[in-house]
Amino acid sequence: MKAYADIQNMKERFGVLELLQLTDAAGEDLSAEETAVVETALNDATAFMNGYIRVRHTLPLSAVPPVLTRLCCEIARFYLYKTAVTEVVKDAYDAAVKVLRDIAKGDLLLSDPEGTPPEQGAPLVIVGGAERLFNQNSMKGF
């Protein structure tokens, strides 16, 4: 599974300094160990997001819509805050989850960077069945 965002996306959105602080790094750039911590958060965020996205779209997506990159970064950032999550980070996480719920409900349509919507998942099938053999009325007296 390829994450919807990468280390470079995180650096562009939140800066190297914040990532260094979140990974308890010492230095001016992320080491391989700190990079692995951020990549784990990005992969966890992607797996979480896929739970919502698969309701409407076939996975894996052929191209990553820019909105998913942003959401992945926001969710991964929230995951990196082990304690003392700031209100700004919590609000961004809550907003990202709301967007994912909108995607799952079909209220927000995804499109790739060129504006083409990704392939839809299988249509919803509702199956009816025979009337229940045992119900409240047929079980009277037992």
C-alpha atoms as a PDB file:
ATOM      1  CA  MET A   1       0.000   0.000   0.000  1.00  0.00           C
ATOM      2  CA  LYS A   2       1.408   3.357  -1.048  1.00  0.00           C
ATOM      3  CA  ALA A   3       0.627   6.264   1.270  1.00  0.00           C
ATOM      4  CA  TYR A   4      -1.370   9.227  -0.055  1.00  0.00           C
ATOM      5  CA  ALA A   5       1.411  11.575   1.109  1.00  0.00           C
ATOM      6  CA  ASP A   6       5.159  11.392   1.677  1.00  0.00           C
ATOM      7  CA  ILE A   7       7.839  12.992   3.833  1.00  0.00           C
ATOM      8  CA  GLN A   8       8.257  15.877   1.391  1.00  0.00           C
ATOM      9  CA  ASN A   9       4.525  16.678   1.619  1.00  0.00           C
ATOM     10  CA  MET A  10       4.819  16.748   5.419  1.00  0.00           C
ATOM     11  CA  LYS A  11       7.879  19.031   5.285  1.00  0.00           C
ATOM     12  CA  GLU A  12       6.108  21.425   2.896  1.00  0.00           C
ATOM     13  CA  ARG A  13       2.979  21.616   5.059  1.00  0.00           C
ATOM     14  CA  PHE A  14       4.408  21.668   8.566  1.00  0.00           C
ATOM     15  CA  GLY A  15       8.126  22.380   8.238  1.00  0.00           C
ATOM     16  CA  VAL A  16      11.158  20.342   9.177  1.00  0.00           C
ATOM     17  CA  LEU A  17      11.327  21.903  12.646  1.00  0.00           C
ATOM     18  CA  GLU A  18       7.896  20.599  13.662  1.00  0.00           C
ATOM     19  CA  LEU A  19       8.692  17.130  12.318  1.00  0.00           C
ATOM     20  CA  LEU A  20      11.979  17.138  14.233  1.00  0.00           C
ATOM     21  CA  GLN A  21      10.108  18.051  17.426  1.00  0.00           C
ATOM     22  CA  LEU A  22       7.413  15.413  16.856  1.00  0.00           C
ATOM     23  CA  THR A  23       9.965  12.647  16.303  1.00  0.00           C
ATOM     24  CA  ASP A  24      12.235  13.781  19.161  1.00  0.00           C
ATOM     25  CA  ALA A  25      15.057  14.260  16.668  1.00  0.00           C
ATOM     26  CA  ALA A  26      18.255  16.135  17.299  1.00  0.00           C
ATOM     27  CA  GLY A  27      19.750  17.794  14.279  1.00  0.00           C
ATOM     28  CA  GLU A  28      18.721  19.846  11.305  1.00  0.00           C
ATOM     29  CA  ASP A  29      17.034  17.149   9.234  1.00  0.00           C
ATOM     30  CA  LEU A  30      15.282  13.842   9.800  1.00  0.00           C
ATOM     31  CA  SER A  31      17.476  10.786  10.128  1.00  0.00           C
ATOM     32  CA  ALA A  32      16.464   7.422   8.693  1.00  0.00           C
ATOM     33  CA  GLU A  33      14.925   6.519  12.063  1.00  0.00           C
ATOM     34  CA  GLU A  34      12.810   9.684  12.294  1.00  0.00           C
ATOM     35  CA  THR A  35      11.840   9.349   8.624  1.00  0.00           C
ATOM     36  CA  ALA A  36      10.577   5.837   9.396  1.00  0.00           C
ATOM     37  CA  VAL A  37       8.441   7.228  12.251  1.00  0.00           C
ATOM     38  CA  VAL A  38       6.822   9.788   9.933  1.00  0.00           C
ATOM     39  CA  GLU A  39       6.337   7.177   7.191  1.00  0.00           C
ATOM     40  CA  THR A  40       4.604   4.894   9.694  1.00  0.00           C
ATOM     41  CA  ALA A  41       2.219   7.714  10.609  1.00  0.00           C
ATOM     42  CA  LEU A  42       1.549   8.354   6.899  1.00  0.00           C
ATOM     43  CA  ASN A  43       0.874   4.653   6.275  1.00  0.00           C
ATOM     44  CA  ASP A  44      -1.425   4.470   9.300  1.00  0.00           C
ATOM     45  CA  ALA A  45      -3.278   7.559   8.082  1.00  0.00           C
ATOM     46  CA  THR A  46      -3.660   6.033   4.610  1.00  0.00           C
ATOM     47  CA  ALA A  47      -5.031   2.782   6.029  1.00  0.00           C
ATOM     48  CA  PHE A  48      -7.508   4.758   8.138  1.00  0.00           C
ATOM     49  CA  MET A  49      -8.562   6.832   5.131  1.00  0.00           C
ATOM     50  CA  ASN A  50      -9.047   3.745   2.961  1.00  0.00           C
ATOM     51  CA  GLY A  51     -11.778   2.580   5.319  1.00  0.00           C
ATOM     52  CA  TYR A  52     -13.838   5.584   4.217  1.00  0.00           C
ATOM     53  CA  ILE A  53     -12.707   5.774   0.593  1.00  0.00           C
ATOM     54  CA  ARG A  54     -13.413   2.121  -0.260  1.00  0.00           C
ATOM     55  CA  VAL A  55     -17.116   2.716   0.401  1.00  0.00           C
ATOM     56  CA  ARG A  56     -17.335   4.698  -2.877  1.00  0.00           C
ATOM     57  CA  HIS A  57     -14.150   3.991  -4.831  1.00  0.00           C
ATOM     58  CA  THR A  58     -12.185   0.985  -6.007  1.00  0.00           C
ATOM     59  CA  LEU A  59      -8.777   0.779  -4.326  1.00  0.00           C
ATOM     60  CA  PRO A  60      -6.003   1.368  -5.045  1.00  0.00           C
ATOM     61  CA  LEU A  61      -6.783   4.667  -6.742  1.00  0.00           C
ATOM     62  CA  SER A  62      -5.013   5.144 -10.067  1.00  0.00           C
ATOM     63  CA  ALA A  63      -3.973   8.682  -9.078  1.00  0.00           C
ATOM     64  CA  VAL A  64      -4.017  10.433  -5.724  1.00  0.00           C
ATOM     65  CA  PRO A  65      -6.416  13.386  -5.613  1.00  0.00           C
ATOM     66  CA  PRO A  66      -4.729  16.413  -3.978  1.00  0.00           C
ATOM     67  CA  VAL A  67      -7.378  16.523  -1.248  1.00  0.00           C
ATOM     68  CA  LEU A  68      -6.265  13.067  -0.067  1.00  0.00           C
ATOM     69  CA  THR A  69      -2.647  14.211   0.208  1.00  0.00           C
ATOM     70  CA  ARG A  70      -3.732  17.068   2.459  1.00  0.00           C
ATOM     71  CA  LEU A  71      -5.970  14.844   4.584  1.00  0.00           C
ATOM     72  CA  CYS A  72      -3.229  12.228   4.922  1.00  0.00           C
ATOM     73  CA  CYS A  73      -0.786  14.866   6.162  1.00  0.00           C
ATOM     74  CA  GLU A  74      -3.281  16.246   8.691  1.00  0.00           C
ATOM     75  CA  ILE A  75      -4.126  12.796  10.055  1.00  0.00           C
ATOM     76  CA  ALA A  76      -0.471  11.691  10.181  1.00  0.00           C
ATOM     77  CA  ARG A  77       0.440  14.893  12.015  1.00  0.00           C
ATOM     78  CA  PHE A  78      -2.267  14.136  14.587  1.00  0.00           C
ATOM     79  CA  TYR A  79      -0.846  10.605  14.996  1.00  0.00           C
ATOM     80  CA  LEU A  80       2.656  12.012  15.565  1.00  0.00           C
ATOM     81  CA  TYR A  81       1.424  14.112  18.496  1.00  0.00           C
ATOM     82  CA  LYS A  82       1.711  11.422  21.149  1.00  0.00           C
ATOM     83  CA  THR A  83       0.703  13.746  23.993  1.00  0.00           C
ATOM     84  CA  ALA A  84      -0.468  17.318  24.373  1.00  0.00           C
ATOM     85  CA  VAL A  85      -2.232  17.559  21.019  1.00  0.00           C
ATOM     86  CA  THR A  86      -2.814  21.216  20.260  1.00  0.00           C
ATOM     87  CA  GLU A  87      -6.310  22.480  19.512  1.00  0.00           C
ATOM     88  CA  VAL A  88      -5.230  23.446  15.978  1.00  0.00           C
ATOM     89  CA  VAL A  89      -3.972  19.916  15.257  1.00  0.00           C
ATOM     90  CA  LYS A  90      -7.085  18.306  16.802  1.00  0.00           C
ATOM     91  CA  ASP A  91      -9.398  20.602  14.820  1.00  0.00           C
ATOM     92  CA  ALA A  92      -7.539  19.790  11.586  1.00  0.00           C
ATOM     93  CA  TYR A  93      -7.858  16.065  12.340  1.00  0.00           C
ATOM     94  CA  ASP A  94     -11.586  16.386  13.080  1.00  0.00           C
ATOM     95  CA  ALA A  95     -12.087  18.352   9.847  1.00  0.00           C
ATOM     96  CA  ALA A  96     -10.197  15.664   7.891  1.00  0.00           C
ATOM     97  CA  VAL A  97     -12.411  12.926   9.332  1.00  0.00           C
ATOM     98  CA  LYS A  98     -15.498  14.954   8.410  1.00  0.00           C
ATOM     99  CA  VAL A  99     -14.282  15.203   4.804  1.00  0.00           C
ATOM    100  CA  LEU A 100     -13.681  11.435   4.762  1.00  0.00           C
ATOM    101  CA  ARG A 101     -17.225  10.859   6.008  1.00  0.00           C
ATOM    102  CA  ASP A 102     -18.500  13.131   3.225  1.00  0.00           C
ATOM    103  CA  ILE A 103     -16.525  11.090   0.688  1.00  0.00           C
ATOM    104  CA  ALA A 104     -18.002   7.849   2.046  1.00  0.00           C
ATOM    105  CA  LYS A 105     -21.543   9.276   1.901  1.00  0.00           C
ATOM    106  CA  GLY A 106     -20.992  10.514  -1.644  1.00  0.00           C
ATOM    107  CA  ASP A 107     -21.420  14.176  -0.653  1.00  0.00           C
ATOM    108  CA  LEU A 108     -17.864  14.939  -1.823  1.00  0.00           C
ATOM    109  CA  LEU A 109     -16.596  13.491  -5.080  1.00  0.00           C
ATOM    110  CA  LEU A 110     -12.920  12.774  -5.534  1.00  0.00           C
ATOM    111  CA  SER A 111     -11.072  13.673  -8.707  1.00  0.00           C
ATOM    112  CA  ASP A 112      -7.477  13.134  -9.773  1.00  0.00           C
ATOM    113  CA  PRO A 113      -5.130  16.084 -10.415  1.00  0.00           C
ATOM    114  CA  GLU A 114      -6.532  16.371 -13.964  1.00  0.00           C
ATOM    115  CA  GLY A 115     -10.125  16.509 -12.671  1.00  0.00           C
ATOM    116  CA  THR A 116     -11.137  12.980 -13.680  1.00  0.00           C
ATOM    117  CA  PRO A 117     -13.111  11.098 -11.025  1.00  0.00           C
ATOM    118  CA  PRO A 118     -11.574   7.775  -9.939  1.00  0.00           C
ATOM    119  CA  GLU A 119     -13.351   4.522 -10.691  1.00  0.00           C
ATOM    120  CA  GLN A 120     -16.425   3.991  -8.569  1.00  0.00           C
ATOM    121  CA  GLY A 121     -16.779   0.911  -6.406  1.00  0.00           C
ATOM    122  CA  ALA A 122     -19.404  -1.720  -7.037  1.00  0.00           C
ATOM    123  CA  PRO A 123     -22.969  -0.438  -6.906  1.00  0.00           C
ATOM    124  CA  LEU A 124     -24.971  -1.009  -3.764  1.00  0.00           C
ATOM    125  CA  VAL A 125     -27.225  -4.058  -4.037  1.00  0.00           C
ATOM    126  CA  ILE A 126     -30.272  -4.414  -1.814  1.00  0.00           C
ATOM    127  CA  VAL A 127     -31.666  -7.930  -1.617  1.00  0.00           C
ATOM    128  CA  GLY A 128     -35.159  -8.778  -0.493  1.00  0.00           C
ATOM    129  CA  GLY A 129     -36.194 -12.165   0.757  1.00  0.00           C
ATOM    130  CA  ALA A 130     -39.113 -14.334   1.627  1.00  0.00           C
ATOM    131  CA  GLU A 131     -41.308 -13.344   4.524  1.00  0.00           C
ATOM    132  CA  ARG A 132     -39.978 -14.504   7.884  1.00  0.00           C
ATOM    133  CA  LEU A 133     -41.122 -17.972   8.893  1.00  0.00           C
ATOM    134  CA  PHE A 134     -40.874 -17.279  12.605  1.00  0.00           C
ATOM    135  CA  ASN A 135     -42.132 -13.934  13.832  1.00  0.00           C
ATOM    136  CA  GLN A 136     -44.045 -12.500  16.746  1.00  0.00           C
ATOM    137  CA  ASN A 137     -47.433 -13.517  15.355  1.00  0.00           C
ATOM    138  CA  SER A 138     -46.530 -17.079  14.298  1.00  0.00           C
ATOM    139  CA  MET A 139     -44.881 -17.805  17.658  1.00  0.00           C
ATOM    140  CA  LYS A 140     -47.907 -16.896  19.821  1.00  0.00           C
ATOM    141  CA  GLY A 141     -48.634 -19.566  22.360  1.00  0.00           C
ATOM    142  CA  PHE A 142     -45.115 -21.040  22.440  1.00  0.00           C
END
